[in-house]
C-alpha atoms as a PDB file:
ATOM      1  CA  MET A   1    -166.058  22.501  45.979  1.00  0.00           C
ATOM      2  CA  LYS A   2    -163.970  23.649  42.805  1.00  0.00           C
ATOM      3  CA  GLU A   3    -167.440  25.286  41.525  1.00  0.00           C
ATOM      4  CA  ILE A   4    -167.529  27.552  44.459  1.00  0.00           C
ATOM      5  CA  ILE A   5    -163.945  28.875  44.349  1.00  0.00           C
ATOM      6  CA  LEU A   6    -164.830  29.324  40.786  1.00  0.00           C
ATOM      7  CA  GLU A   7    -167.957  31.180  40.994  1.00  0.00           C
ATOM      8  CA  GLN A   8    -166.630  33.388  43.816  1.00  0.00           C
ATOM      9  CA  SER A   9    -163.454  34.081  41.889  1.00  0.00           C
ATOM     10  CA  GLN A  10    -165.411  35.157  39.170  1.00  0.00           C
ATOM     11  CA  ARG A  11    -167.853  37.246  41.576  1.00  0.00           C
ATOM     12  CA  PHE A  12    -164.614  39.234  42.070  1.00  0.00           C
ATOM     13  CA  TRP A  13    -163.338  39.892  39.080  1.00  0.00           C
ATOM     14  CA  LYS A  14    -166.777  41.086  38.167  1.00  0.00           C
ATOM     15  CA  ALA A  15    -166.762  43.648  40.738  1.00  0.00           C
ATOM     16  CA  LEU A  16    -163.797  44.858  40.321  1.00  0.00           C
ATOM     17  CA  GLU A  17    -164.322  45.001  36.295  1.00  0.00           C
ATOM     18  CA  ALA A  18    -167.831  47.344  37.731  1.00  0.00           C
ATOM     19  CA  ALA A  19    -165.265  49.276  40.503  1.00  0.00           C
ATOM     20  CA  ASP A  20    -167.866  47.494  43.247  1.00  0.00           C
ATOM     21  CA  THR A  21    -166.282  47.613  46.495  1.00  0.00           C
ATOM     22  CA  ALA A  22    -169.107  46.365  47.870  1.00  0.00           C
ATOM     23  CA  GLY A  23    -169.107  43.538  45.828  1.00  0.00           C
ATOM     24  CA  MET A  24    -165.729  42.603  46.120  1.00  0.00           C
ATOM     25  CA  ARG A  25    -165.377  43.064  50.033  1.00  0.00           C
ATOM     26  CA  ALA A  26    -168.534  40.350  49.850  1.00  0.00           C
ATOM     27  CA  VAL A  27    -165.561  37.363  49.044  1.00  0.00           C
ATOM     28  CA  CYS A  28    -162.706  38.848  50.654  1.00  0.00           C
ATOM     29  CA  ASP A  29    -161.863  37.989  54.854  1.00  0.00           C
ATOM     30  CA  PRO A  30    -161.046  41.710  55.960  1.00  0.00           C
ATOM     31  CA  ASP A  31    -157.140  41.055  56.648  1.00  0.00           C
ATOM     32  CA  CYS A  32    -157.250  39.460  52.967  1.00  0.00           C
ATOM     33  CA  PHE A  33    -153.574  40.974  51.738  1.00  0.00           C
ATOM     34  CA  PHE A  34    -152.928  42.309  48.114  1.00  0.00           C
ATOM     35  CA  VAL A  35    -149.830  42.274  46.241  1.00  0.00           C
ATOM     36  CA  HIS A  36    -149.197  44.066  43.328  1.00  0.00           C
ATOM     37  CA  ILE A  37    -146.450  45.174  40.712  1.00  0.00           C
ATOM     38  CA  GLY A  38    -145.023  47.376  43.280  1.00  0.00           C
ATOM     39  CA  ALA A  39    -146.679  47.879  45.684  1.00  0.00           C
ATOM     40  CA  ASN A  40    -148.867  45.719  48.574  1.00  0.00           C
ATOM     41  CA  CYS A  41    -152.013  46.719  50.660  1.00  0.00           C
ATOM     42  CA  GLY A  42    -154.892  45.787  53.011  1.00  0.00           C
ATOM     43  CA  LEU A  43    -157.859  45.216  51.930  1.00  0.00           C
ATOM     44  CA  ASP A  44    -159.202  48.656  52.739  1.00  0.00           C
ATOM     45  CA  GLU A  45    -156.286  50.248  51.464  1.00  0.00           C
ATOM     46  CA  GLU A  46    -156.676  48.601  47.929  1.00  0.00           C
ATOM     47  CA  MET A  47    -160.650  49.383  48.540  1.00  0.00           C
ATOM     48  CA  ALA A  48    -159.958  52.931  48.374  1.00  0.00           C
ATOM     49  CA  ALA A  49    -157.904  52.871  45.533  1.00  0.00           C
ATOM     50  CA  PHE A  50    -161.170  52.210  43.272  1.00  0.00           C
ATOM     51  CA  GLU A  51    -162.974  54.609  45.518  1.00  0.00           C
ATOM     52  CA  ARG A  52    -160.691  57.610  44.713  1.00  0.00           C
ATOM     53  CA  LYS A  53    -160.427  55.817  41.127  1.00  0.00           C
ATOM     54  CA  ILE A  54    -156.786  55.285  41.001  1.00  0.00           C
ATOM     55  CA  PHE A  55    -157.789  52.213  39.911  1.00  0.00           C
ATOM     56  CA  GLN A  56    -160.398  52.790  36.772  1.00  0.00           C
ATOM     57  CA  PRO A  57    -160.880  48.927  35.228  1.00  0.00           C
ATOM     58  CA  THR A  58    -162.054  49.000  31.372  1.00  0.00           C
ATOM     59  CA  VAL A  59    -161.972  45.699  30.603  1.00  0.00           C
ATOM     60  CA  ILE A  60    -161.372  42.139  31.778  1.00  0.00           C
ATOM     61  CA  ALA A  61    -161.089  39.428  29.829  1.00  0.00           C
ATOM     62  CA  ILE A  62    -160.231  35.988  32.033  1.00  0.00           C
ATOM     63  CA  HIS A  63    -158.540  33.469  29.240  1.00  0.00           C
ATOM     64  CA  GLY A  64    -158.654  30.423  32.064  1.00  0.00           C
ATOM     65  CA  GLN A  65    -158.943  29.676  35.659  1.00  0.00           C
ATOM     66  CA  GLU A  66    -157.677  26.217  37.378  1.00  0.00           C
ATOM     67  CA  VAL A  67    -158.059  25.564  41.187  1.00  0.00           C
ATOM     68  CA  LYS A  68    -155.815  23.445  43.394  1.00  0.00           C
ATOM     69  CA  GLU A  69    -157.300  22.772  46.929  1.00  0.00           C
ATOM     70  CA  TRP A  70    -156.078  21.559  50.162  1.00  0.00           C
ATOM     71  CA  GLY A  71    -158.295  20.674  53.040  1.00  0.00           C
ATOM     72  CA  ASP A  72    -160.020  24.185  54.008  1.00  0.00           C
ATOM     73  CA  THR A  73    -157.157  25.895  51.645  1.00  0.00           C
ATOM     74  CA  ALA A  74    -157.768  26.556  47.372  1.00  0.00           C
ATOM     75  CA  ILE A  75    -156.044  28.253  45.118  1.00  0.00           C
ATOM     76  CA  CYS A  76    -157.526  30.177  41.732  1.00  0.00           C
ATOM     77  CA  LEU A  77    -154.902  30.805  39.515  1.00  0.00           C
ATOM     78  CA  THR A  78    -156.461  33.106  36.613  1.00  0.00           C
ATOM     79  CA  ASP A  79    -154.645  34.151  33.360  1.00  0.00           C
ATOM     80  CA  VAL A  80    -156.424  37.579  32.328  1.00  0.00           C
ATOM     81  CA  ASP A  81    -155.819  40.417  30.187  1.00  0.00           C
ATOM     82  CA  TYR A  82    -156.824  43.336  32.705  1.00  0.00           C
ATOM     83  CA  SER A  83    -156.942  47.094  31.617  1.00  0.00           C
ATOM     84  CA  LEU A  84    -157.866  50.073  33.321  1.00  0.00           C
ATOM     85  CA  LEU A  85    -157.118  53.960  33.399  1.00  0.00           C
ATOM     86  CA  LEU A  86    -154.111  54.567  35.471  1.00  0.00           C
ATOM     87  CA  GLY A  87    -153.300  58.342  35.737  1.00  0.00           C
ATOM     88  CA  GLY A  88    -155.958  58.655  33.227  1.00  0.00           C
ATOM     89  CA  HIS A  89    -154.106  56.426  30.500  1.00  0.00           C
ATOM     90  CA  GLU A  90    -154.864  53.153  29.021  1.00  0.00           C
ATOM     91  CA  THR A  91    -153.342  50.097  29.937  1.00  0.00           C
ATOM     92  CA  THR A  92    -153.212  46.675  29.516  1.00  0.00           C
ATOM     93  CA  HIS A  93    -151.288  43.923  32.242  1.00  0.00           C
ATOM     94  CA  HIS A  94    -151.365  40.198  31.440  1.00  0.00           C
ATOM     95  CA  PHE A  95    -151.572  38.508  34.377  1.00  0.00           C
ATOM     96  CA  MET A  96    -151.749  34.816  36.403  1.00  0.00           C
ATOM     97  CA  THR A  97    -153.174  35.959  39.515  1.00  0.00           C
ATOM     98  CA  THR A  98    -153.061  33.600  42.847  1.00  0.00           C
ATOM     99  CA  GLU A  99    -156.070  33.985  44.482  1.00  0.00           C
ATOM    100  CA  VAL A 100    -155.721  32.094  48.004  1.00  0.00           C
ATOM    101  CA  PHE A 101    -159.198  31.101  49.264  1.00  0.00           C
ATOM    102  CA  GLN A 102    -159.971  29.709  52.995  1.00  0.00           C
ATOM    103  CA  ASN A 103    -162.724  28.218  54.396  1.00  0.00           C
ATOM    104  CA  ARG A 104    -163.984  30.437  57.519  1.00  0.00           C
ATOM    105  CA  ASP A 105    -166.978  29.010  59.213  1.00  0.00           C
ATOM    106  CA  GLY A 106    -168.537  26.955  55.835  1.00  0.00           C
ATOM    107  CA  ALA A 107    -167.927  30.021  53.707  1.00  0.00           C
ATOM    108  CA  TRP A 108    -165.089  30.580  51.599  1.00  0.00           C
ATOM    109  CA  LYS A 109    -162.996  34.165  51.945  1.00  0.00           C
ATOM    110  CA  LEU A 110    -160.301  35.706  49.341  1.00  0.00           C
ATOM    111  CA  ILE A 111    -157.430  36.017  52.057  1.00  0.00           C
ATOM    112  CA  GLN A 112    -154.635  36.888  49.643  1.00  0.00           C
ATOM    113  CA  PHE A 113    -154.645  37.910  46.079  1.00  0.00           C
ATOM    114  CA  THR A 114    -151.314  38.412  43.734  1.00  0.00           C
ATOM    115  CA  PHE A 115    -150.901  39.645  41.028  1.00  0.00           C
ATOM    116  CA  THR A 116    -147.615  38.461  38.431  1.00  0.00           C
ATOM    117  CA  ALA A 117    -147.416  39.801  35.580  1.00  0.00           C
ATOM    118  CA  LEU A 118    -146.997  37.435  32.357  1.00  0.00           C
ATOM    119  CA  VAL A 119    -143.867  38.031  29.667  1.00  0.00           C
ATOM    120  CA  HIS A 120    -144.695  36.552  26.285  1.00  0.00           C
END
């Protein structure tokens, strides 16, 4: 099961880096919720930020991933440097993301994605 979660997480990150909203949506439950630094939103609002080029990813460097599982729920912790253009300016943040997946009707779907800034 851990391999399936890692595959789903990596599919999401590859789609995110490419700003591929269809690819991201394929991994997410329609009610997926995102928590950012200073803002929170549902799936449609998150995808709209990519479509309107508010978020323009440039480089994503994953340093490690760990999966913890509890029955039909799993959490993938991803240590990542996420570079993107915000307002035309390049910015890079070191995050630990908490990606919560739930098995819904036999398919693992992302239901919660939280960015936590790491400072060290």
